């Protein structure tokens, strides 16, 4: 529920404050529609400023080709459908890939091999640094002397 002062949510038979007016919507925005998607993300449609998603209580603008979003709905495939004023109906699809590169923490942008272990860590061989493990968004480079120990440890993780 949206009021002039705050954004509220009905959950577990009670009303809770998600955030107050000073942080959840830009001052010059006119709210048209609010929806919570299947992942729990709140989406805010505005009359003049387009679409926002709420991240840590702050509105983050989402690029749409029309700044007047009248309504939002989600379908069974987690797509968002936007009804725009003068721009027709738009579909926003969820991002289906994650880019791991030097901007996201890898030591190099060139990899020659990639795999995932049983613990969910991503392992790659990059051209300059050797073996790199990415786990919980943290990259760790293993020196060549550690590679043998790492391989044995990786094998242990793979066993049931």
N, C-alpha and C. Protein backbone atom coordinates (compact mmCIF):
# COMPACT_ATOMS: atom_id res chain seq x y z
N UNK A 1 0.84 -1.17 0.00
CA UNK A 1 0.00 0.00 0.00
C UNK A 1 0.89 1.23 0.00
N UNK A 2 0.49 2.20 -0.79
CA UNK A 2 1.25 3.44 -0.88
C UNK A 2 0.41 4.59 -0.36
N UNK A 3 0.99 5.37 0.53
CA UNK A 3 0.34 6.59 1.02
C UNK A 3 1.28 7.75 0.72
N UNK A 4 0.87 8.97 1.03
CA UNK A 4 1.74 10.12 0.82
C UNK A 4 2.98 10.06 1.71
N UNK A 5 2.89 9.38 2.85
CA UNK A 5 3.98 9.37 3.81
C UNK A 5 4.90 8.16 3.72
N UNK A 6 4.36 7.01 3.30
CA UNK A 6 5.18 5.80 3.35
C UNK A 6 4.66 4.70 2.44
N UNK A 7 5.48 3.69 2.29
CA UNK A 7 5.11 2.49 1.55
C UNK A 7 4.97 1.37 2.57
N UNK A 8 3.83 0.68 2.55
CA UNK A 8 3.51 -0.34 3.55
C UNK A 8 3.27 -1.69 2.88
N UNK A 9 3.44 -2.74 3.68
CA UNK A 9 3.22 -4.09 3.17
C UNK A 9 2.42 -4.89 4.18
N UNK A 10 1.41 -5.61 3.68
CA UNK A 10 0.63 -6.51 4.53
C UNK A 10 1.26 -7.88 4.42
N UNK A 11 1.79 -8.38 5.55
CA UNK A 11 2.49 -9.66 5.55
C UNK A 11 2.34 -10.31 6.91
N UNK A 12 2.08 -11.60 6.90
CA UNK A 12 1.91 -12.35 8.15
C UNK A 12 0.86 -11.71 9.06
N UNK A 13 -0.25 -11.33 8.49
CA UNK A 13 -1.38 -10.75 9.21
C UNK A 13 -1.06 -9.45 9.94
N UNK A 14 -0.12 -8.69 9.42
CA UNK A 14 0.16 -7.38 10.01
C UNK A 14 0.70 -6.43 8.95
N UNK A 15 0.58 -5.16 9.22
CA UNK A 15 1.03 -4.11 8.34
C UNK A 15 2.41 -3.64 8.78
N UNK A 16 3.37 -3.64 7.86
CA UNK A 16 4.73 -3.19 8.18
C UNK A 16 5.13 -2.06 7.22
N UNK A 17 5.99 -1.17 7.71
CA UNK A 17 6.49 -0.06 6.89
C UNK A 17 7.69 -0.57 6.10
N UNK A 18 7.60 -0.45 4.78
CA UNK A 18 8.72 -0.83 3.92
C UNK A 18 9.72 0.33 3.88
N UNK A 19 9.24 1.55 3.68
CA UNK A 19 10.09 2.75 3.74
C UNK A 19 9.21 3.99 3.78
N UNK A 20 9.82 5.11 4.20
CA UNK A 20 9.04 6.34 4.30
C UNK A 20 9.15 7.16 3.01
N UNK A 21 8.31 8.17 2.89
CA UNK A 21 8.20 8.96 1.66
C UNK A 21 9.53 9.57 1.23
N UNK A 22 10.33 10.00 2.18
CA UNK A 22 11.57 10.69 1.82
C UNK A 22 12.54 9.80 1.05
N UNK A 23 12.37 8.49 1.13
CA UNK A 23 13.34 7.64 0.45
C UNK A 23 12.75 6.76 -0.64
N UNK A 24 11.47 6.50 -0.65
CA UNK A 24 10.97 5.49 -1.57
C UNK A 24 10.48 5.99 -2.91
N UNK A 25 10.33 7.29 -3.10
CA UNK A 25 9.87 7.80 -4.38
C UNK A 25 10.42 9.21 -4.61
N UNK A 26 10.92 9.49 -5.80
CA UNK A 26 11.38 10.86 -6.07
C UNK A 26 10.26 11.87 -5.84
N UNK A 27 10.61 13.05 -5.37
CA UNK A 27 9.62 14.06 -4.98
C UNK A 27 8.68 14.45 -6.11
N UNK A 28 9.16 14.49 -7.34
CA UNK A 28 8.32 14.93 -8.44
C UNK A 28 7.63 13.77 -9.18
N UNK A 29 7.64 12.58 -8.58
CA UNK A 29 7.00 11.42 -9.20
C UNK A 29 5.56 11.29 -8.74
N UNK A 30 4.71 10.89 -9.67
CA UNK A 30 3.32 10.57 -9.34
C UNK A 30 3.16 9.07 -9.50
N UNK A 31 2.92 8.39 -8.40
CA UNK A 31 2.82 6.93 -8.42
C UNK A 31 1.55 6.48 -9.11
N UNK A 32 1.69 5.55 -10.03
CA UNK A 32 0.55 4.99 -10.74
C UNK A 32 0.21 3.58 -10.25
N UNK A 33 1.25 2.77 -10.00
CA UNK A 33 1.02 1.36 -9.68
C UNK A 33 2.23 0.81 -8.95
N UNK A 34 2.00 -0.12 -8.03
CA UNK A 34 3.06 -0.82 -7.31
C UNK A 34 2.78 -2.31 -7.42
N UNK A 35 3.84 -3.09 -7.66
CA UNK A 35 3.68 -4.54 -7.71
C UNK A 35 4.91 -5.19 -7.08
N UNK A 36 4.68 -6.31 -6.43
CA UNK A 36 5.79 -7.12 -5.90
C UNK A 36 5.90 -8.35 -6.80
N UNK A 37 7.09 -8.59 -7.35
CA UNK A 37 7.25 -9.76 -8.22
C UNK A 37 7.50 -11.02 -7.40
N UNK A 38 7.64 -12.15 -8.07
CA UNK A 38 7.83 -13.43 -7.40
C UNK A 38 9.09 -13.52 -6.56
N UNK A 39 10.08 -12.67 -6.85
CA UNK A 39 11.32 -12.67 -6.08
C UNK A 39 11.27 -11.68 -4.91
N UNK A 40 10.12 -11.01 -4.73
CA UNK A 40 9.98 -10.07 -3.63
C UNK A 40 10.44 -8.66 -3.93
N UNK A 41 10.75 -8.36 -5.19
CA UNK A 41 11.19 -7.01 -5.59
C UNK A 41 9.96 -6.14 -5.82
N UNK A 42 9.99 -4.93 -5.28
CA UNK A 42 8.90 -3.97 -5.50
C UNK A 42 9.21 -3.12 -6.73
N UNK A 43 8.22 -2.99 -7.60
CA UNK A 43 8.31 -2.20 -8.83
C UNK A 43 7.33 -1.05 -8.72
N UNK A 44 7.77 0.16 -9.08
CA UNK A 44 6.97 1.36 -8.94
C UNK A 44 6.78 2.00 -10.32
N UNK A 45 5.55 2.11 -10.76
CA UNK A 45 5.23 2.77 -12.03
C UNK A 45 4.84 4.21 -11.73
N UNK A 46 5.41 5.15 -12.47
CA UNK A 46 5.10 6.56 -12.26
C UNK A 46 4.53 7.19 -13.53
N UNK A 47 3.84 8.28 -13.34
CA UNK A 47 3.19 8.96 -14.46
C UNK A 47 4.19 9.67 -15.37
N UNK A 48 5.25 10.27 -14.82
CA UNK A 48 6.16 11.06 -15.65
C UNK A 48 7.62 10.58 -15.62
N UNK A 49 7.99 9.78 -14.65
CA UNK A 49 9.39 9.41 -14.49
C UNK A 49 9.69 7.96 -14.85
N UNK A 50 8.72 7.23 -15.34
CA UNK A 50 8.94 5.86 -15.78
C UNK A 50 8.85 4.85 -14.66
N UNK A 51 9.68 3.83 -14.76
CA UNK A 51 9.64 2.68 -13.86
C UNK A 51 10.83 2.69 -12.91
N UNK A 52 10.58 2.27 -11.67
CA UNK A 52 11.63 2.13 -10.66
C UNK A 52 11.49 0.77 -10.01
N UNK A 53 12.61 0.24 -9.52
CA UNK A 53 12.56 -0.92 -8.64
C UNK A 53 13.17 -0.48 -7.32
N UNK A 54 12.64 -1.00 -6.25
CA UNK A 54 13.10 -0.60 -4.93
C UNK A 54 14.24 -1.51 -4.50
N UNK A 55 15.39 -0.92 -4.21
CA UNK A 55 16.57 -1.66 -3.77
C UNK A 55 17.04 -1.03 -2.47
N UNK A 56 17.01 -1.81 -1.39
CA UNK A 56 17.41 -1.31 -0.07
C UNK A 56 16.67 -0.03 0.30
N UNK A 57 15.37 0.02 -0.03
CA UNK A 57 14.56 1.16 0.33
C UNK A 57 14.74 2.38 -0.56
N UNK A 58 15.51 2.26 -1.62
CA UNK A 58 15.77 3.38 -2.53
C UNK A 58 15.26 3.04 -3.93
N UNK A 59 14.65 4.02 -4.62
CA UNK A 59 14.19 3.77 -5.98
C UNK A 59 15.35 3.80 -6.98
N UNK A 60 15.45 2.76 -7.79
CA UNK A 60 16.46 2.69 -8.84
C UNK A 60 15.72 2.73 -10.17
N UNK A 61 16.01 3.74 -11.01
CA UNK A 61 15.30 3.83 -12.28
C UNK A 61 15.62 2.65 -13.19
N UNK A 62 14.60 2.20 -13.92
CA UNK A 62 14.75 1.11 -14.89
C UNK A 62 14.44 1.70 -16.25
N UNK A 63 15.34 1.51 -17.17
CA UNK A 63 15.18 2.08 -18.50
C UNK A 63 13.99 1.47 -19.22
N UNK A 64 13.09 2.33 -19.61
CA UNK A 64 11.96 1.94 -20.48
C UNK A 64 11.92 2.99 -21.58
N UNK A 65 11.29 2.68 -22.67
CA UNK A 65 11.25 3.63 -23.78
C UNK A 65 10.17 4.69 -23.61
N UNK A 66 9.39 4.59 -22.55
CA UNK A 66 8.33 5.55 -22.31
C UNK A 66 8.32 5.91 -20.83
N UNK A 67 8.26 7.20 -20.54
CA UNK A 67 8.32 7.67 -19.15
C UNK A 67 6.98 7.62 -18.44
N UNK A 68 5.91 7.29 -19.15
CA UNK A 68 4.59 7.25 -18.53
C UNK A 68 4.12 5.80 -18.43
N UNK A 69 4.38 5.19 -17.27
CA UNK A 69 3.98 3.80 -17.04
C UNK A 69 2.71 3.81 -16.19
N UNK A 70 1.63 3.30 -16.74
CA UNK A 70 0.33 3.34 -16.07
C UNK A 70 0.08 2.13 -15.18
N UNK A 71 0.54 0.96 -15.60
CA UNK A 71 0.25 -0.26 -14.83
C UNK A 71 1.34 -1.29 -15.06
N UNK A 72 1.49 -2.21 -14.11
CA UNK A 72 2.48 -3.28 -14.18
C UNK A 72 1.80 -4.58 -13.77
N UNK A 73 2.18 -5.66 -14.41
CA UNK A 73 1.77 -6.98 -13.96
C UNK A 73 2.91 -7.94 -14.24
N UNK A 74 2.91 -9.08 -13.56
CA UNK A 74 3.93 -10.10 -13.77
C UNK A 74 3.24 -11.36 -14.28
N UNK A 75 3.93 -12.10 -15.15
CA UNK A 75 3.35 -13.35 -15.65
C UNK A 75 4.03 -14.55 -15.00
N UNK A 76 3.63 -15.74 -15.39
CA UNK A 76 4.14 -16.97 -14.77
C UNK A 76 5.60 -17.25 -15.08
N UNK A 77 6.19 -16.55 -16.06
CA UNK A 77 7.60 -16.73 -16.41
C UNK A 77 8.48 -15.62 -15.84
N UNK A 78 7.94 -14.85 -14.88
CA UNK A 78 8.63 -13.76 -14.20
C UNK A 78 8.92 -12.56 -15.09
N UNK A 79 8.22 -12.46 -16.23
CA UNK A 79 8.31 -11.26 -17.04
C UNK A 79 7.43 -10.18 -16.41
N UNK A 80 7.83 -8.92 -16.55
CA UNK A 80 6.98 -7.81 -16.16
C UNK A 80 6.38 -7.21 -17.42
N UNK A 81 5.11 -6.90 -17.36
CA UNK A 81 4.41 -6.27 -18.47
C UNK A 81 4.01 -4.87 -18.03
N UNK A 82 4.36 -3.87 -18.84
CA UNK A 82 4.09 -2.48 -18.54
C UNK A 82 3.06 -1.93 -19.51
N UNK A 83 2.05 -1.29 -18.99
CA UNK A 83 1.11 -0.55 -19.83
C UNK A 83 1.56 0.90 -19.82
N UNK A 84 1.92 1.43 -20.98
CA UNK A 84 2.46 2.78 -21.05
C UNK A 84 1.45 3.71 -21.72
N UNK A 85 1.60 4.98 -21.44
CA UNK A 85 0.73 6.00 -22.02
C UNK A 85 1.38 6.47 -23.32
N UNK A 86 0.90 5.94 -24.43
CA UNK A 86 1.42 6.35 -25.74
C UNK A 86 2.54 5.47 -26.26
N UNK A 87 3.01 4.51 -25.47
CA UNK A 87 4.11 3.65 -25.91
C UNK A 87 3.71 2.19 -26.03
N UNK A 88 2.43 1.90 -25.90
CA UNK A 88 1.97 0.52 -26.01
C UNK A 88 2.26 -0.29 -24.76
N UNK A 89 2.34 -1.59 -24.95
CA UNK A 89 2.63 -2.51 -23.85
C UNK A 89 4.06 -3.01 -24.02
N UNK A 90 4.82 -2.98 -22.96
CA UNK A 90 6.23 -3.41 -22.98
C UNK A 90 6.42 -4.62 -22.08
N UNK A 91 7.31 -5.51 -22.50
CA UNK A 91 7.66 -6.66 -21.66
C UNK A 91 9.11 -6.50 -21.21
N UNK A 92 9.34 -6.66 -19.91
CA UNK A 92 10.69 -6.69 -19.36
C UNK A 92 10.96 -8.13 -18.94
N UNK A 93 12.01 -8.69 -19.48
CA UNK A 93 12.38 -10.07 -19.14
C UNK A 93 13.46 -10.06 -18.07
N UNK A 94 13.44 -11.06 -17.18
CA UNK A 94 14.51 -11.14 -16.17
C UNK A 94 15.85 -11.40 -16.85
N UNK A 95 16.87 -10.88 -16.26
CA UNK A 95 18.22 -11.12 -16.76
C UNK A 95 18.54 -12.60 -16.55
N UNK A 96 19.01 -13.26 -17.59
CA UNK A 96 19.22 -14.70 -17.50
C UNK A 96 20.69 -15.09 -17.46
N UNK A 97 21.58 -14.14 -17.33
CA UNK A 97 22.99 -14.48 -17.26
C UNK A 97 23.70 -13.53 -16.29
N UNK A 98 24.84 -13.95 -15.84
CA UNK A 98 25.68 -13.12 -15.00
C UNK A 98 27.02 -12.98 -15.68
N UNK A 99 27.49 -11.78 -15.83
CA UNK A 99 28.78 -11.53 -16.46
C UNK A 99 29.84 -11.44 -15.38
N UNK A 100 30.82 -12.31 -15.47
CA UNK A 100 31.98 -12.25 -14.59
C UNK A 100 33.14 -11.76 -15.44
N UNK A 101 33.68 -10.61 -15.07
CA UNK A 101 34.83 -10.04 -15.78
C UNK A 101 35.65 -9.20 -14.80
N UNK A 102 36.61 -8.46 -15.32
CA UNK A 102 37.46 -7.67 -14.43
C UNK A 102 36.66 -6.60 -13.70
N UNK A 103 35.61 -6.08 -14.30
CA UNK A 103 34.78 -5.08 -13.62
C UNK A 103 34.03 -5.68 -12.44
N UNK A 104 33.78 -7.00 -12.47
CA UNK A 104 33.07 -7.63 -11.36
C UNK A 104 33.99 -8.38 -10.41
N UNK A 105 35.31 -8.25 -10.60
CA UNK A 105 36.24 -8.82 -9.63
C UNK A 105 37.22 -9.86 -10.15
N UNK A 106 37.06 -10.35 -11.38
CA UNK A 106 38.05 -11.29 -11.91
C UNK A 106 39.34 -10.55 -12.22
N UNK A 107 40.47 -11.22 -12.11
CA UNK A 107 41.74 -10.54 -12.37
C UNK A 107 41.98 -10.27 -13.85
N UNK A 108 41.25 -10.94 -14.75
CA UNK A 108 41.49 -10.79 -16.18
C UNK A 108 40.18 -11.02 -16.93
N UNK A 109 40.08 -10.46 -18.13
CA UNK A 109 38.88 -10.64 -18.94
C UNK A 109 38.99 -11.81 -19.93
N UNK A 110 40.11 -12.52 -19.93
CA UNK A 110 40.32 -13.62 -20.87
C UNK A 110 40.44 -14.94 -20.11
N UNK A 111 39.51 -15.83 -20.35
CA UNK A 111 39.53 -17.15 -19.72
C UNK A 111 39.55 -18.22 -20.80
N UNK A 112 40.23 -19.32 -20.51
CA UNK A 112 40.34 -20.40 -21.49
C UNK A 112 39.53 -21.63 -21.10
N UNK A 113 39.04 -21.66 -19.86
CA UNK A 113 38.29 -22.82 -19.39
C UNK A 113 37.41 -22.37 -18.24
N UNK A 114 36.25 -23.04 -18.07
CA UNK A 114 35.36 -22.70 -16.97
C UNK A 114 34.57 -23.94 -16.57
N UNK A 115 34.33 -24.10 -15.27
CA UNK A 115 33.50 -25.20 -14.77
C UNK A 115 32.95 -24.80 -13.40
N UNK A 116 31.99 -25.57 -12.92
CA UNK A 116 31.40 -25.36 -11.60
C UNK A 116 31.62 -26.61 -10.78
N UNK A 117 32.00 -26.45 -9.50
CA UNK A 117 32.17 -27.62 -8.65
C UNK A 117 30.90 -27.91 -7.86
N UNK A 118 30.90 -28.97 -7.08
CA UNK A 118 29.71 -29.41 -6.35
C UNK A 118 29.26 -28.39 -5.30
N UNK A 119 30.16 -27.53 -4.85
CA UNK A 119 29.82 -26.51 -3.86
C UNK A 119 29.27 -25.24 -4.51
N UNK A 120 29.22 -25.20 -5.84
CA UNK A 120 28.70 -24.04 -6.54
C UNK A 120 29.74 -23.00 -6.89
N UNK A 121 31.01 -23.27 -6.61
CA UNK A 121 32.07 -22.34 -6.98
C UNK A 121 32.34 -22.45 -8.48
N UNK A 122 32.62 -21.33 -9.10
CA UNK A 122 33.00 -21.29 -10.51
C UNK A 122 34.52 -21.23 -10.57
N UNK A 123 35.11 -22.11 -11.36
CA UNK A 123 36.56 -22.17 -11.55
C UNK A 123 36.87 -21.81 -13.00
N UNK A 124 37.88 -20.99 -13.19
CA UNK A 124 38.30 -20.68 -14.56
C UNK A 124 39.82 -20.57 -14.62
N UNK A 125 40.32 -20.78 -15.81
CA UNK A 125 41.74 -20.59 -16.08
C UNK A 125 41.85 -19.32 -16.90
N UNK A 126 42.50 -18.29 -16.35
CA UNK A 126 42.66 -17.09 -17.16
C UNK A 126 44.07 -17.03 -17.70
N UNK A 127 44.27 -16.24 -18.71
CA UNK A 127 45.53 -16.27 -19.45
C UNK A 127 46.72 -15.70 -18.71
N UNK A 128 46.51 -14.89 -17.70
CA UNK A 128 47.64 -14.27 -17.00
C UNK A 128 47.88 -14.83 -15.60
N UNK A 129 46.82 -15.20 -14.91
CA UNK A 129 46.94 -15.50 -13.49
C UNK A 129 46.81 -16.97 -13.14
N UNK A 130 46.38 -17.79 -14.06
CA UNK A 130 46.22 -19.21 -13.78
C UNK A 130 44.83 -19.54 -13.30
N UNK A 131 44.75 -20.28 -12.23
CA UNK A 131 43.48 -20.79 -11.73
C UNK A 131 42.79 -19.77 -10.83
N UNK A 132 41.49 -19.53 -11.10
CA UNK A 132 40.71 -18.56 -10.34
C UNK A 132 39.43 -19.24 -9.89
N UNK A 133 39.09 -19.04 -8.60
CA UNK A 133 37.83 -19.56 -8.06
C UNK A 133 36.93 -18.38 -7.71
N UNK A 134 35.66 -18.47 -8.09
CA UNK A 134 34.69 -17.45 -7.72
C UNK A 134 33.62 -18.14 -6.89
N UNK A 135 33.48 -17.68 -5.65
CA UNK A 135 32.48 -18.23 -4.74
C UNK A 135 31.90 -17.07 -3.94
N UNK A 136 30.58 -17.01 -3.87
CA UNK A 136 29.88 -15.95 -3.13
C UNK A 136 30.36 -14.57 -3.58
N UNK A 137 30.50 -14.39 -4.89
CA UNK A 137 30.91 -13.13 -5.51
C UNK A 137 32.33 -12.70 -5.14
N UNK A 138 33.13 -13.61 -4.64
CA UNK A 138 34.52 -13.31 -4.31
C UNK A 138 35.44 -14.15 -5.19
N UNK A 139 36.38 -13.49 -5.86
CA UNK A 139 37.34 -14.20 -6.71
C UNK A 139 38.64 -14.40 -5.94
N UNK A 140 39.22 -15.59 -6.08
CA UNK A 140 40.51 -15.88 -5.46
C UNK A 140 41.41 -16.52 -6.50
N UNK A 141 42.61 -15.98 -6.63
CA UNK A 141 43.60 -16.50 -7.57
C UNK A 141 44.47 -17.48 -6.81
N UNK A 142 44.69 -18.66 -7.39
CA UNK A 142 45.56 -19.66 -6.80
C UNK A 142 46.87 -19.70 -7.56
N UNK A 143 47.97 -19.60 -6.83
CA UNK A 143 49.29 -19.71 -7.46
C UNK A 143 49.47 -21.13 -7.97
N UNK A 144 50.34 -21.32 -8.92
CA UNK A 144 50.52 -22.65 -9.51
C UNK A 144 50.93 -23.69 -8.47
N UNK A 145 51.63 -23.30 -7.40
CA UNK A 145 52.00 -24.26 -6.37
C UNK A 145 50.79 -24.71 -5.57
N UNK A 146 49.74 -23.89 -5.51
CA UNK A 146 48.52 -24.25 -4.79
C UNK A 146 47.58 -25.09 -5.65
N UNK A 147 47.80 -25.11 -6.95
CA UNK A 147 46.86 -25.75 -7.87
C UNK A 147 46.68 -27.23 -7.56
N UNK A 148 47.76 -27.93 -7.24
CA UNK A 148 47.64 -29.36 -6.93
C UNK A 148 46.79 -29.58 -5.69
N UNK A 149 47.03 -28.81 -4.63
CA UNK A 149 46.23 -28.92 -3.42
C UNK A 149 44.77 -28.55 -3.70
N UNK A 150 44.57 -27.53 -4.50
CA UNK A 150 43.22 -27.10 -4.83
C UNK A 150 42.48 -28.18 -5.59
N UNK A 151 43.17 -28.83 -6.53
CA UNK A 151 42.53 -29.89 -7.31
C UNK A 151 42.08 -31.01 -6.38
N UNK A 152 42.91 -31.40 -5.43
CA UNK A 152 42.53 -32.45 -4.49
C UNK A 152 41.35 -32.01 -3.64
N UNK A 153 41.37 -30.78 -3.18
CA UNK A 153 40.27 -30.30 -2.36
C UNK A 153 38.99 -30.25 -3.19
N UNK A 154 39.07 -29.85 -4.44
CA UNK A 154 37.91 -29.80 -5.31
C UNK A 154 37.35 -31.20 -5.52
N UNK A 155 38.19 -32.17 -5.64
CA UNK A 155 37.73 -33.55 -5.80
C UNK A 155 36.96 -34.00 -4.56
N UNK A 156 37.45 -33.66 -3.38
CA UNK A 156 36.74 -34.04 -2.16
C UNK A 156 35.35 -33.41 -2.12
N UNK A 157 35.21 -32.16 -2.58
CA UNK A 157 33.91 -31.52 -2.58
C UNK A 157 32.94 -32.21 -3.53
N UNK A 158 33.47 -32.85 -4.56
CA UNK A 158 32.61 -33.51 -5.55
C UNK A 158 32.05 -34.83 -5.08
N UNK A 159 32.69 -35.44 -4.09
CA UNK A 159 32.23 -36.76 -3.62
C UNK A 159 30.98 -36.62 -2.76
N UNK A 160 30.02 -37.58 -2.88
CA UNK A 160 28.80 -37.51 -2.06
C UNK A 160 29.07 -37.76 -0.58
